[in-house]
């Protein structure tokens, strides 16, 4: 088992700011470095450098 970190651009939506395009970082546990088993952590980095959990944003509609 290995742990992989992958960053991708996603569209998110918040009530206060509207649509956001954020770099979301996924930390996943994988089997044989190919098959993802479990997402351990999912977070985003804000414009100001803060790191926030993705639970406060929902996927864009």
PDB file of N, CA and C in Angstrom:
ATOM      1  N   UNK A   1       0.834  -1.180   0.000  1.00  0.00           N
ATOM      2  CA  UNK A   1       0.000   0.000   0.000  1.00  0.00           C
ATOM      3  C   UNK A   1       0.877   1.241   0.000  1.00  0.00           C
ATOM      4  N   UNK A   2       0.441   2.232  -0.751  1.00  0.00           N
ATOM      5  CA  UNK A   2       1.132   3.505  -0.805  1.00  0.00           C
ATOM      6  C   UNK A   2       0.121   4.626  -0.622  1.00  0.00           C
ATOM      7  N   UNK A   3       0.637   5.792  -0.285  1.00  0.00           N
ATOM      8  CA  UNK A   3      -0.195   6.974  -0.148  1.00  0.00           C
ATOM      9  C   UNK A   3       0.190   7.933  -1.269  1.00  0.00           C
ATOM     10  N   UNK A   4      -0.820   8.382  -2.034  1.00  0.00           N
ATOM     11  CA  UNK A   4      -0.579   9.280  -3.158  1.00  0.00           C
ATOM     12  C   UNK A   4      -1.265  10.607  -2.911  1.00  0.00           C
ATOM     13  N   UNK A   5      -0.666  11.664  -3.416  1.00  0.00           N
ATOM     14  CA  UNK A   5      -1.229  12.997  -3.328  1.00  0.00           C
ATOM     15  C   UNK A   5      -1.438  13.502  -4.749  1.00  0.00           C
ATOM     16  N   UNK A   6      -2.663  13.959  -5.047  1.00  0.00           N
ATOM     17  CA  UNK A   6      -2.977  14.445  -6.377  1.00  0.00           C
ATOM     18  C   UNK A   6      -3.751  15.751  -6.258  1.00  0.00           C
ATOM     19  N   UNK A   7      -3.377  16.739  -7.074  1.00  0.00           N
ATOM     20  CA  UNK A   7      -4.041  18.025  -7.086  1.00  0.00           C
ATOM     21  C   UNK A   7      -4.738  18.211  -8.429  1.00  0.00           C
ATOM     22  N   UNK A   8      -6.004  18.625  -8.385  1.00  0.00           N
ATOM     23  CA  UNK A   8      -6.739  18.886  -9.611  1.00  0.00           C
ATOM     24  C   UNK A   8      -7.622  20.116  -9.417  1.00  0.00           C
ATOM     25  N   UNK A   9      -7.990  20.750 -10.503  1.00  0.00           N
ATOM     26  CA  UNK A   9      -8.811  21.953 -10.482  1.00  0.00           C
ATOM     27  C   UNK A   9     -10.279  21.552 -10.500  1.00  0.00           C
ATOM     28  N   UNK A  10     -11.051  22.059  -9.540  1.00  0.00           N
ATOM     29  CA  UNK A  10     -12.475  21.745  -9.454  1.00  0.00           C
ATOM     30  C   UNK A  10     -13.278  23.017  -9.317  1.00  0.00           C
ATOM     31  N   UNK A  11     -14.523  22.938  -9.762  1.00  0.00           N
ATOM     32  CA  UNK A  11     -15.449  24.047  -9.602  1.00  0.00           C
ATOM     33  C   UNK A  11     -16.245  23.812  -8.331  1.00  0.00           C
ATOM     34  N   UNK A  12     -16.266  24.791  -7.453  1.00  0.00           N
ATOM     35  CA  UNK A  12     -17.001  24.709  -6.192  1.00  0.00           C
ATOM     36  C   UNK A  12     -17.963  25.883  -6.094  1.00  0.00           C
ATOM     37  N   UNK A  13     -18.907  25.819  -5.169  1.00  0.00           N
ATOM     38  CA  UNK A  13     -19.878  26.883  -4.982  1.00  0.00           C
ATOM     39  C   UNK A  13     -20.054  27.149  -3.496  1.00  0.00           C
ATOM     40  N   UNK A  14     -20.000  28.424  -3.107  1.00  0.00           N
ATOM     41  CA  UNK A  14     -20.308  28.831  -1.747  1.00  0.00           C
ATOM     42  C   UNK A  14     -21.385  29.898  -1.792  1.00  0.00           C
ATOM     43  N   UNK A  15     -22.161  30.029  -0.723  1.00  0.00           N
ATOM     44  CA  UNK A  15     -23.219  31.032  -0.672  1.00  0.00           C
ATOM     45  C   UNK A  15     -22.649  32.449  -0.644  1.00  0.00           C
ATOM     46  N   UNK A  16     -21.551  32.643   0.065  1.00  0.00           N
ATOM     47  CA  UNK A  16     -20.990  33.985   0.226  1.00  0.00           C
ATOM     48  C   UNK A  16     -20.244  34.467  -1.014  1.00  0.00           C
ATOM     49  N   UNK A  17     -19.486  33.584  -1.674  1.00  0.00           N
ATOM     50  CA  UNK A  17     -18.625  34.021  -2.768  1.00  0.00           C
ATOM     51  C   UNK A  17     -19.083  33.559  -4.148  1.00  0.00           C
ATOM     52  N   UNK A  18     -20.066  32.682  -4.224  1.00  0.00           N
ATOM     53  CA  UNK A  18     -20.517  32.196  -5.515  1.00  0.00           C
ATOM     54  C   UNK A  18     -19.617  31.088  -6.032  1.00  0.00           C
ATOM     55  N   UNK A  19     -19.356  31.083  -7.345  1.00  0.00           N
ATOM     56  CA  UNK A  19     -18.530  30.038  -7.950  1.00  0.00           C
ATOM     57  C   UNK A  19     -17.058  30.272  -7.673  1.00  0.00           C
ATOM     58  N   UNK A  20     -16.374  29.184  -7.379  1.00  0.00           N
ATOM     59  CA  UNK A  20     -14.933  29.215  -7.152  1.00  0.00           C
ATOM     60  C   UNK A  20     -14.273  28.132  -7.997  1.00  0.00           C
ATOM     61  N   UNK A  21     -13.099  28.420  -8.482  1.00  0.00           N
ATOM     62  CA  UNK A  21     -12.265  27.424  -9.155  1.00  0.00           C
ATOM     63  C   UNK A  21     -11.068  27.194  -8.251  1.00  0.00           C
ATOM     64  N   UNK A  22     -11.040  26.048  -7.578  1.00  0.00           N
ATOM     65  CA  UNK A  22     -10.016  25.773  -6.583  1.00  0.00           C
ATOM     66  C   UNK A  22      -9.160  24.586  -6.974  1.00  0.00           C
ATOM     67  N   UNK A  23      -7.918  24.616  -6.520  1.00  0.00           N
ATOM     68  CA  UNK A  23      -7.063  23.448  -6.600  1.00  0.00           C
ATOM     69  C   UNK A  23      -7.354  22.594  -5.375  1.00  0.00           C
ATOM     70  N   UNK A  24      -7.914  21.436  -5.594  1.00  0.00           N
ATOM     71  CA  UNK A  24      -8.258  20.507  -4.520  1.00  0.00           C
ATOM     72  C   UNK A  24      -7.185  19.432  -4.475  1.00  0.00           C
ATOM     73  N   UNK A  25      -6.656  19.178  -3.293  1.00  0.00           N
ATOM     74  CA  UNK A  25      -5.630  18.159  -3.115  1.00  0.00           C
ATOM     75  C   UNK A  25      -6.260  16.951  -2.433  1.00  0.00           C
ATOM     76  N   UNK A  26      -6.127  15.798  -3.060  1.00  0.00           N
ATOM     77  CA  UNK A  26      -6.627  14.539  -2.517  1.00  0.00           C
ATOM     78  C   UNK A  26      -5.434  13.722  -2.028  1.00  0.00           C
ATOM     79  N   UNK A  27      -5.535  13.185  -0.833  1.00  0.00           N
ATOM     80  CA  UNK A  27      -4.554  12.240  -0.322  1.00  0.00           C
ATOM     81  C   UNK A  27      -5.273  10.899  -0.237  1.00  0.00           C
ATOM     82  N   UNK A  28      -4.826   9.942  -1.057  1.00  0.00           N
ATOM     83  CA  UNK A  28      -5.501   8.653  -1.172  1.00  0.00           C
ATOM     84  C   UNK A  28      -4.568   7.512  -0.806  1.00  0.00           C
ATOM     85  N   UNK A  29      -5.148   6.487  -0.232  1.00  0.00           N
ATOM     86  CA  UNK A  29      -4.432   5.240   0.014  1.00  0.00           C
ATOM     87  C   UNK A  29      -4.681   4.335  -1.182  1.00  0.00           C
ATOM     88  N   UNK A  30      -3.603   3.833  -1.807  1.00  0.00           N
ATOM     89  CA  UNK A  30      -3.743   3.035  -3.020  1.00  0.00           C
ATOM     90  C   UNK A  30      -3.117   1.658  -2.832  1.00  0.00           C
ATOM     91  N   UNK A  31      -3.580   0.733  -3.637  1.00  0.00           N
ATOM     92  CA  UNK A  31      -3.052  -0.619  -3.671  1.00  0.00           C
ATOM     93  C   UNK A  31      -2.255  -0.771  -4.949  1.00  0.00           C
ATOM     94  N   UNK A  32      -1.015  -1.187  -4.840  1.00  0.00           N
ATOM     95  CA  UNK A  32      -0.101  -1.355  -5.971  1.00  0.00           C
ATOM     96  C   UNK A  32       0.093  -0.054  -6.747  1.00  0.00           C
ATOM     97  N   UNK A  33      -0.111   1.074  -6.094  1.00  0.00           N
ATOM     98  CA  UNK A  33       0.085   2.404  -6.653  1.00  0.00           C
ATOM     99  C   UNK A  33      -0.830   2.672  -7.853  1.00  0.00           C
ATOM    100  N   UNK A  34      -1.896   1.885  -8.013  1.00  0.00           N
ATOM    101  CA  UNK A  34      -2.811   2.054  -9.141  1.00  0.00           C
ATOM    102  C   UNK A  34      -4.258   2.166  -8.666  1.00  0.00           C
ATOM    103  N   UNK A  35      -4.698   1.233  -7.845  1.00  0.00           N
ATOM    104  CA  UNK A  35      -6.099   1.125  -7.455  1.00  0.00           C
ATOM    105  C   UNK A  35      -6.342   1.943  -6.183  1.00  0.00           C
ATOM    106  N   UNK A  36      -7.175   3.004  -6.251  1.00  0.00           N
ATOM    107  CA  UNK A  36      -7.448   3.782  -5.043  1.00  0.00           C
ATOM    108  C   UNK A  36      -8.389   3.024  -4.106  1.00  0.00           C
ATOM    109  N   UNK A  37      -8.026   2.994  -2.838  1.00  0.00           N
ATOM    110  CA  UNK A  37      -8.849   2.296  -1.851  1.00  0.00           C
ATOM    111  C   UNK A  37      -9.685   3.254  -1.014  1.00  0.00           C
ATOM    112  N   UNK A  38      -9.069   4.338  -0.546  1.00  0.00           N
ATOM    113  CA  UNK A  38      -9.738   5.211   0.400  1.00  0.00           C
ATOM    114  C   UNK A  38      -9.167   6.616   0.286  1.00  0.00           C
ATOM    115  N   UNK A  39     -10.043   7.638   0.376  1.00  0.00           N
ATOM    116  CA  UNK A  39      -9.584   9.024   0.431  1.00  0.00           C
ATOM    117  C   UNK A  39      -9.349   9.355   1.903  1.00  0.00           C
ATOM    118  N   UNK A  40      -8.105   9.655   2.237  1.00  0.00           N
ATOM    119  CA  UNK A  40      -7.759   9.949   3.625  1.00  0.00           C
ATOM    120  C   UNK A  40      -8.097  11.397   3.967  1.00  0.00           C
ATOM    121  N   UNK A  41      -7.732  12.325   3.073  1.00  0.00           N
ATOM    122  CA  UNK A  41      -7.940  13.742   3.338  1.00  0.00           C
ATOM    123  C   UNK A  41      -8.168  14.462   2.023  1.00  0.00           C
ATOM    124  N   UNK A  42      -9.038  15.468   2.054  1.00  0.00           N
ATOM    125  CA  UNK A  42      -9.318  16.290   0.886  1.00  0.00           C
ATOM    126  C   UNK A  42      -9.331  17.735   1.375  1.00  0.00           C
ATOM    127  N   UNK A  43      -8.438  18.576   0.822  1.00  0.00           N
ATOM    128  CA  UNK A  43      -8.382  19.964   1.277  1.00  0.00           C
ATOM    129  C   UNK A  43      -8.098  20.895   0.113  1.00  0.00           C
ATOM    130  N   UNK A  44      -8.321  22.185   0.355  1.00  0.00           N
ATOM    131  CA  UNK A  44      -8.070  23.205  -0.659  1.00  0.00           C
ATOM    132  C   UNK A  44      -7.268  24.336  -0.044  1.00  0.00           C
ATOM    133  N   UNK A  45      -6.507  25.008  -0.873  1.00  0.00           N
ATOM    134  CA  UNK A  45      -5.705  26.133  -0.433  1.00  0.00           C
ATOM    135  C   UNK A  45      -6.348  27.409  -0.959  1.00  0.00           C
ATOM    136  N   UNK A  46      -6.570  28.388  -0.089  1.00  0.00           N
ATOM    137  CA  UNK A  46      -7.231  29.617  -0.490  1.00  0.00           C
ATOM    138  C   UNK A  46      -6.239  30.582  -1.127  1.00  0.00           C
ATOM    139  N   UNK A  47      -6.761  31.677  -1.622  1.00  0.00           N
ATOM    140  CA  UNK A  47      -5.948  32.707  -2.259  1.00  0.00           C
ATOM    141  C   UNK A  47      -4.951  33.296  -1.266  1.00  0.00           C
ATOM    142  N   UNK A  48      -5.343  33.354  -0.002  1.00  0.00           N
ATOM    143  CA  UNK A  48      -4.495  33.951   1.035  1.00  0.00           C
ATOM    144  C   UNK A  48      -3.539  32.957   1.678  1.00  0.00           C
ATOM    145  N   UNK A  49      -3.503  31.728   1.203  1.00  0.00           N
ATOM    146  CA  UNK A  49      -2.577  30.737   1.714  1.00  0.00           C
ATOM    147  C   UNK A  49      -3.124  29.876   2.835  1.00  0.00           C
ATOM    148  N   UNK A  50      -4.368  30.088   3.237  1.00  0.00           N
ATOM    149  CA  UNK A  50      -4.979  29.266   4.281  1.00  0.00           C
ATOM    150  C   UNK A  50      -5.351  27.907   3.694  1.00  0.00           C
ATOM    151  N   UNK A  51      -5.302  26.886   4.515  1.00  0.00           N
ATOM    152  CA  UNK A  51      -5.713  25.554   4.085  1.00  0.00           C
ATOM    153  C   UNK A  51      -7.033  25.239   4.775  1.00  0.00           C
ATOM    154  N   UNK A  52      -8.059  24.927   3.953  1.00  0.00           N
ATOM    155  CA  UNK A  52      -9.391  24.669   4.487  1.00  0.00           C
ATOM    156  C   UNK A  52      -9.869  23.303   4.035  1.00  0.00           C
ATOM    157  N   UNK A  53     -10.746  22.719   4.835  1.00  0.00           N
ATOM    158  CA  UNK A  53     -11.365  21.452   4.499  1.00  0.00           C
ATOM    159  C   UNK A  53     -12.428  21.680   3.431  1.00  0.00           C
ATOM    160  N   UNK A  54     -12.704  20.722   2.621  1.00  0.00           N
ATOM    161  CA  UNK A  54     -13.667  20.870   1.522  1.00  0.00           C
ATOM    162  C   UNK A  54     -15.110  20.660   1.965  1.00  0.00           C
ATOM    163  N   UNK A  55     -15.365  20.439   3.227  1.00  0.00           N
ATOM    164  CA  UNK A  55     -16.712  20.184   3.687  1.00  0.00           C
ATOM    165  C   UNK A  55     -17.592  21.439   3.638  1.00  0.00           C
ATOM    166  N   UNK A  56     -16.998  22.656   3.698  1.00  0.00           N
ATOM    167  CA  UNK A  56     -17.808  23.873   3.701  1.00  0.00           C
ATOM    168  C   UNK A  56     -18.235  24.297   2.300  1.00  0.00           C
ATOM    169  N   UNK A  57     -17.678  23.704   1.254  1.00  0.00           N
ATOM    170  CA  UNK A  57     -18.075  23.995  -0.128  1.00  0.00           C
ATOM    171  C   UNK A  57     -18.755  22.766  -0.719  1.00  0.00           C
ATOM    172  N   UNK A  58     -19.778  23.015  -1.488  1.00  0.00           N
ATOM    173  CA  UNK A  58     -20.433  21.912  -2.212  1.00  0.00           C
ATOM    174  C   UNK A  58     -20.025  21.993  -3.663  1.00  0.00           C
ATOM    175  N   UNK A  59     -20.197  20.909  -4.401  1.00  0.00           N
ATOM    176  CA  UNK A  59     -19.879  20.923  -5.824  1.00  0.00           C
ATOM    177  C   UNK A  59     -20.790  21.895  -6.555  1.00  0.00           C
ATOM    178  N   UNK A  60     -20.257  22.535  -7.573  1.00  0.00           N
ATOM    179  CA  UNK A  60     -21.040  23.516  -8.338  1.00  0.00           C
ATOM    180  C   UNK A  60     -22.242  22.839  -8.980  1.00  0.00           C
ATOM    181  N   UNK A  61     -23.302  23.572  -9.068  1.00  0.00           N
ATOM    182  CA  UNK A  61     -24.559  23.014  -9.591  1.00  0.00           C
ATOM    183  C   UNK A  61     -24.626  23.153 -11.076  1.00  0.00           C
TER     184      UNK A  61
END
